Amino acid sequence: MPKNTNGFTLIELIIVIVILGILSVVAAPRFLDLSTDARIASLESLEGSMRTATELVNIKARIEDKTDCSTDPTVQAVGATITLRCGYPCPHPSGIANAVVAEEPFNWVGGNCAGQLGAIEVQISDAPDPSNCKIRYTSARSTQEPQITPTTSGC
């Protein structure tokens, strides 16, 4: 009578388990480290919001003839008073921070208006290195639009 074997041996089972273990060790870090990708996506979203808000506020400032660089006038937009510098939101919480509607809490660090050229940074507080997981908004000058520069190396 022939011996009919169905299934697999213990050695085959162990080999499959070892192969699956090796694959999970290699693949797991990529799939489990989604928090970095989420923080970078939040920064990219905020960068887009800042660029859009900057352009919309500049259009409103041009309509109201408030593009002078020697003063810091204000405009009303998105339900807030926005302080301007050369027709763009100034790098201050009363400027660009009021112009951007951010759904997530970000840390606004630094910033000045009052006729001074400066910058403000928006950091993600829960990042491993918030000082390198940020967007830097540098004020406009008479011949240059404001600069919006993301840094994601610390996310």
Protein backbone atom coordinates (compact mmCIF):
# COMPACT_ATOMS: atom_id res chain seq x y z
CA MET A 1 0.00 0.00 0.00
CA PRO A 2 1.49 3.33 -1.03
CA LYS A 3 2.08 5.93 1.67
CA ASN A 4 -0.06 9.01 0.96
CA THR A 5 1.43 12.18 2.47
CA ASN A 6 -0.46 15.41 2.72
CA GLY A 7 0.80 18.63 4.26
CA PHE A 8 4.36 19.63 5.00
CA THR A 9 7.15 18.62 7.29
CA LEU A 10 8.35 20.36 10.41
CA ILE A 11 11.53 21.47 8.62
CA GLU A 12 9.50 23.14 5.88
CA LEU A 13 7.41 24.93 8.51
CA ILE A 14 10.52 26.24 10.28
CA ILE A 15 12.04 27.45 6.99
CA VAL A 16 8.84 29.35 6.13
CA ILE A 17 8.74 30.93 9.61
CA VAL A 18 12.40 32.01 9.33
CA ILE A 19 11.81 33.54 5.88
CA LEU A 20 8.73 35.42 7.13
CA GLY A 21 10.72 36.65 10.14
CA ILE A 22 13.50 37.99 7.92
CA LEU A 23 10.98 39.72 5.65
CA SER A 24 9.20 41.32 8.60
CA VAL A 25 12.47 42.63 10.06
CA VAL A 26 13.33 44.22 6.72
CA ALA A 27 9.86 45.56 5.86
CA ALA A 28 8.52 46.55 9.29
CA PRO A 29 10.57 49.73 9.80
CA ARG A 30 9.35 51.13 6.49
CA PHE A 31 5.70 50.52 7.31
CA LEU A 32 5.86 51.36 11.00
CA ASP A 33 7.68 54.69 10.62
CA LEU A 34 4.71 56.54 9.20
CA SER A 35 4.94 59.32 11.79
CA THR A 36 7.85 60.92 9.93
CA ASP A 37 5.89 60.85 6.69
CA ALA A 38 2.88 62.33 8.47
CA ARG A 39 4.92 65.22 9.90
CA ILE A 40 6.47 65.93 6.48
CA ALA A 41 3.00 65.86 4.90
CA SER A 42 1.76 68.32 7.55
CA LEU A 43 4.64 70.67 6.76
CA GLU A 44 4.01 70.42 3.03
CA SER A 45 0.34 71.17 3.60
CA LEU A 46 1.19 74.17 5.77
CA GLU A 47 3.70 75.38 3.17
CA GLY A 48 0.98 75.30 0.51
CA SER A 49 -1.41 77.14 2.82
CA MET A 50 1.22 79.79 3.53
CA ARG A 51 1.92 80.34 -0.18
CA THR A 52 -1.79 80.62 -0.98
CA ALA A 53 -2.51 82.92 1.96
CA THR A 54 0.47 85.10 1.07
CA GLU A 55 -0.76 85.57 -2.49
CA LEU A 56 -4.37 86.21 -1.45
CA VAL A 57 -3.36 88.78 1.16
CA ASN A 58 -1.07 90.46 -1.38
CA ILE A 59 -3.95 90.74 -3.86
CA LYS A 60 -6.12 92.31 -1.16
CA ALA A 61 -3.29 94.70 -0.18
CA ARG A 62 -2.90 95.80 -3.81
CA ILE A 63 -6.63 96.41 -4.11
CA GLU A 64 -6.56 98.53 -0.93
CA ASP A 65 -3.26 100.21 -1.97
CA LYS A 66 -1.37 99.01 1.11
CA THR A 67 1.90 97.87 -0.46
CA ASP A 68 4.16 100.59 0.97
CA CYS A 69 7.34 99.21 2.57
CA SER A 70 7.89 102.19 4.88
CA THR A 71 4.85 101.41 7.05
CA ASP A 72 3.17 98.26 8.33
CA PRO A 73 -0.52 98.65 7.44
CA THR A 74 -3.18 96.04 8.14
CA VAL A 75 -5.94 94.37 6.14
CA GLN A 76 -8.91 92.30 7.22
CA ALA A 77 -9.00 88.77 5.82
CA VAL A 78 -10.11 85.31 6.96
CA GLY A 79 -11.79 86.92 9.96
CA ALA A 80 -8.55 88.38 11.32
CA THR A 81 -6.45 91.52 11.16
CA ILE A 82 -3.25 90.83 9.21
CA THR A 83 -0.22 93.11 9.56
CA LEU A 84 1.57 93.71 6.27
CA ARG A 85 5.13 94.31 5.15
CA CYS A 86 5.53 95.51 1.54
CA GLY A 87 2.03 94.25 0.77
CA TYR A 88 2.60 90.74 2.15
CA PRO A 89 1.90 89.30 5.61
CA CYS A 90 4.73 90.26 7.94
CA PRO A 91 6.73 87.51 9.68
CA HIS A 92 4.88 87.78 12.98
CA PRO A 93 1.96 86.02 14.66
CA SER A 94 -0.20 89.05 13.78
CA GLY A 95 0.91 88.71 10.15
CA ILE A 96 1.40 85.35 8.48
CA ALA A 97 0.05 83.37 11.45
CA ASN A 98 -3.26 85.25 11.18
CA ALA A 99 -3.34 84.76 7.41
CA VAL A 100 -2.94 80.98 7.58
CA VAL A 101 -5.74 78.80 8.86
CA ALA A 102 -3.83 75.83 10.30
CA GLU A 103 -5.82 72.89 11.64
CA GLU A 104 -2.93 71.42 13.60
CA PRO A 105 -1.12 73.15 16.44
CA PHE A 106 2.23 74.43 15.28
CA ASN A 107 4.80 76.39 17.30
CA TRP A 108 5.40 79.88 15.89
CA VAL A 109 8.95 80.86 16.89
CA GLY A 110 10.40 84.36 16.60
CA GLY A 111 9.17 86.95 14.17
CA ASN A 112 8.96 90.71 14.03
CA CYS A 113 7.22 93.47 12.13
CA ALA A 114 7.37 97.15 13.01
CA GLY A 115 9.34 98.04 9.89
CA GLN A 116 12.09 95.51 10.47
CA LEU A 117 12.99 92.79 8.05
CA GLY A 118 12.89 89.44 9.74
CA ALA A 119 11.67 85.88 9.77
CA ILE A 120 9.40 83.58 11.70
CA GLU A 121 9.60 79.80 11.95
CA VAL A 122 6.76 77.34 12.27
CA GLN A 123 7.87 74.13 13.98
CA ILE A 124 6.13 70.83 14.61
CA SER A 125 6.46 70.39 18.36
CA ASP A 126 6.28 66.58 18.49
CA ALA A 127 9.08 66.09 15.94
CA PRO A 128 12.31 64.44 17.13
CA ASP A 129 14.16 67.68 16.28
CA PRO A 130 11.64 70.55 15.98
CA SER A 131 14.33 73.05 14.95
CA ASN A 132 14.87 70.97 11.79
CA CYS A 133 11.21 70.15 11.17
CA LYS A 134 9.97 73.61 10.28
CA ILE A 135 9.01 76.21 7.73
CA ARG A 136 10.85 79.52 7.72
CA TYR A 137 8.94 82.56 6.46
CA THR A 138 11.22 85.50 5.64
CA SER A 139 9.63 88.91 5.13
CA ALA A 140 9.14 90.57 1.79
CA ARG A 141 11.42 93.33 0.59
CA SER A 142 10.60 96.07 -1.86
CA THR A 143 11.94 94.00 -4.76
CA GLN A 144 11.38 90.49 -3.46
CA GLU A 145 8.41 88.40 -2.36
CA PRO A 146 8.57 86.67 1.03
CA GLN A 147 10.57 83.45 1.12
CA ILE A 148 8.92 80.26 2.40
CA THR A 149 11.53 77.58 3.06
CA PRO A 150 10.72 74.13 4.52
CA THR A 151 13.25 72.00 6.42
CA THR A 152 12.34 68.34 6.97
CA SER A 153 15.61 66.72 8.10
CA GLY A 154 14.46 66.57 11.74
CA CYS A 155 10.95 65.24 11.19
